[in-house]
Protein backbone atom coordinates (compact mmCIF):
# COMPACT_ATOMS: atom_id res chain seq x y z
CA UNK A 1 6.73 1.83 25.05
CA UNK A 2 7.98 1.82 21.45
CA UNK A 3 5.76 0.38 18.73
CA UNK A 4 7.20 -3.05 17.87
CA UNK A 5 4.97 -3.67 14.88
CA UNK A 6 6.51 -4.04 11.44
CA UNK A 7 5.83 -0.96 9.32
CA UNK A 8 5.10 -0.77 5.60
CA UNK A 9 5.06 2.23 3.27
CA UNK A 10 3.32 1.92 -0.10
CA UNK A 11 4.47 4.45 -2.69
CA UNK A 12 3.18 5.26 -6.17
CA UNK A 13 3.19 8.43 -8.21
CA UNK A 14 -0.22 9.88 -7.36
CA UNK A 15 -1.09 7.95 -4.17
CA UNK A 16 -4.61 7.76 -5.57
CA UNK A 17 -5.04 4.14 -6.66
CA UNK A 18 -2.55 1.30 -6.21
CA UNK A 19 -0.89 2.52 -3.02
CA UNK A 20 -4.24 3.43 -1.46
CA UNK A 21 -5.69 -0.01 -2.26
CA UNK A 22 -2.54 -1.76 -0.99
CA UNK A 23 -2.56 0.20 2.27
CA UNK A 24 -6.25 -0.56 2.77
CA UNK A 25 -5.74 -4.27 2.09
CA UNK A 26 -2.80 -4.49 4.50
CA UNK A 27 -4.68 -2.62 7.22
CA UNK A 28 -7.70 -4.88 6.72
CA UNK A 29 -5.89 -8.21 6.39
CA UNK A 30 -3.36 -7.61 9.18
CA UNK A 31 -6.00 -6.57 11.67
CA UNK A 32 -3.87 -3.62 12.77
CA UNK A 33 -0.83 -5.73 13.57
CA UNK A 34 1.23 -3.93 10.92
CA UNK A 35 1.75 -0.17 10.81
CA UNK A 36 0.68 1.03 7.36
CA UNK A 37 1.50 4.22 5.43
CA UNK A 38 1.02 5.31 1.83
CA UNK A 39 2.29 8.28 -0.15
CA UNK A 40 2.97 9.56 -3.64
CA UNK A 41 5.81 11.38 -5.33
CA UNK A 42 3.30 13.69 -7.08
CA UNK A 43 0.06 13.18 -5.14
CA UNK A 44 -3.28 13.68 -6.83
CA UNK A 45 -6.02 15.85 -5.38
CA UNK A 46 -8.34 12.91 -4.61
CA UNK A 47 -8.34 9.12 -4.44
CA UNK A 48 -9.35 7.52 -7.75
CA UNK A 49 -13.16 7.03 -7.65
CA UNK A 50 -12.84 3.67 -9.44
CA UNK A 51 -10.46 2.48 -6.69
CA UNK A 52 -12.93 3.69 -4.06
CA UNK A 53 -15.75 1.77 -5.76
CA UNK A 54 -13.69 -1.40 -6.27
CA UNK A 55 -12.65 -1.46 -2.61
CA UNK A 56 -16.20 -0.67 -1.45
CA UNK A 57 -17.29 -3.86 -3.24
CA UNK A 58 -15.08 -5.90 -0.89
CA UNK A 59 -16.20 -4.02 2.21
CA UNK A 60 -13.29 -1.59 2.52
CA UNK A 61 -14.05 2.13 2.63
CA UNK A 62 -11.50 4.51 1.08
CA UNK A 63 -13.73 7.59 1.16
CA UNK A 64 -11.88 9.14 4.09
CA UNK A 65 -8.45 8.76 2.50
CA UNK A 66 -6.47 11.55 0.84
CA UNK A 67 -3.34 11.34 -1.30
CA UNK A 68 -0.23 12.35 0.65
CA UNK A 69 3.17 13.60 -0.43
CA UNK A 70 6.06 11.19 0.11
CA UNK A 71 8.50 12.50 2.69
CA UNK A 72 11.85 11.23 3.89
CA UNK A 73 10.54 10.64 7.42
CA UNK A 74 7.94 8.15 6.19
CA UNK A 75 10.62 6.14 4.42
CA UNK A 76 12.95 6.26 7.42
CA UNK A 77 10.15 5.12 9.75
CA UNK A 78 9.24 2.09 7.60
CA UNK A 79 10.69 -1.43 7.62
CA UNK A 80 9.29 -2.24 4.17
CA UNK A 81 8.94 0.17 1.26
CA UNK A 82 6.75 -1.10 -1.56
CA UNK A 83 6.96 0.96 -4.73
CA UNK A 84 4.52 0.85 -7.61
CA UNK A 85 5.65 2.81 -10.62
CA UNK A 86 7.53 5.68 -9.00
CA UNK A 87 10.94 4.57 -10.29
CA UNK A 88 13.98 6.54 -9.24
CA UNK A 89 11.99 9.22 -7.42
CA UNK A 90 11.64 6.98 -4.35
CA UNK A 91 14.42 7.54 -1.80
CA UNK A 92 16.54 4.54 -0.82
CA UNK A 93 17.85 4.08 2.72
CA UNK A 94 20.07 1.25 3.99
CA UNK A 95 18.40 -1.28 6.25
CA UNK A 96 14.97 -1.07 4.61
CA UNK A 97 13.40 -3.90 2.66
CA UNK A 98 12.36 -2.67 -0.79
CA UNK A 99 9.95 -4.33 -3.19
CA UNK A 100 8.78 -2.97 -6.53
CA UNK A 101 5.35 -4.24 -7.52
CA UNK A 102 4.82 -3.99 -11.27
CA UNK A 103 1.10 -3.26 -11.43
CA UNK A 104 -0.87 -1.26 -13.99
CA UNK A 105 -1.94 2.24 -12.99
CA UNK A 106 -5.72 2.32 -12.48
CA UNK A 107 -5.92 6.00 -13.50
CA UNK A 108 -8.45 6.25 -16.33
CA UNK A 109 -9.20 2.51 -16.25
CA UNK A 110 -12.71 1.08 -16.24
CA UNK A 111 -14.10 -0.56 -13.12
CA UNK A 112 -13.50 -4.13 -14.35
CA UNK A 113 -9.81 -3.34 -14.92
CA UNK A 114 -9.54 -1.72 -11.48
CA UNK A 115 -11.14 -4.81 -9.92
CA UNK A 116 -8.38 -6.93 -11.47
CA UNK A 117 -5.72 -4.59 -10.09
CA UNK A 118 -7.45 -4.67 -6.68
CA UNK A 119 -7.38 -8.47 -6.65
CA UNK A 120 -3.74 -8.62 -7.76
CA UNK A 121 -2.82 -6.22 -4.97
CA UNK A 122 -4.66 -8.38 -2.43
CA UNK A 123 -2.59 -11.40 -3.44
CA UNK A 124 0.66 -9.46 -3.13
CA UNK A 125 -0.39 -8.08 0.25
CA UNK A 126 -1.13 -11.63 1.46
CA UNK A 127 2.38 -12.65 0.36
CA UNK A 128 3.82 -9.60 2.12
CA UNK A 129 2.00 -10.53 5.33
CA UNK A 130 3.53 -14.01 5.12
CA UNK A 131 6.99 -12.46 4.67
CA UNK A 132 6.46 -10.11 7.62
CA UNK A 133 5.18 -13.04 9.67
CA UNK A 134 8.33 -15.03 8.91
CA UNK A 135 10.70 -12.13 9.61
CA UNK A 136 9.00 -10.61 12.65
CA UNK A 137 7.33 -13.60 14.24
CA UNK A 138 3.87 -12.12 13.80
CA UNK A 139 0.81 -14.27 13.48
CA UNK A 140 -1.52 -12.49 11.12
CA UNK A 141 -4.49 -14.47 9.88
CA UNK A 142 -5.54 -14.31 6.25
CA UNK A 143 -9.15 -13.79 5.33
């Protein structure tokens, strides 16, 4: 049977901070009812340690995550593509819902700054869940 869940791809340049935190929030807050991917146009070697720490503080573990290279198949397989600072390098396909989230890059930022980015991402993910709920008839509880 085909997977009928809505699917979301988060894309940023390095796939080491914003997109990793967004994917983790969506996975956590949707309870697995949304298929989640993340990738970068120029992926870093490792996830940003400040992002790992900031997410650990809210009970979400990013230590097993690795930055991934954006590929066409991931975009084609996603209903929603959320970009964060990758500009024109993100491929555009008809029939996908695109959102560009203007969020600061946590690379090189102190932990307090990364916490603010983490919290801003959570709010946007909650809004995205509400949009998915309205469009796909899902009932995903917020925590």
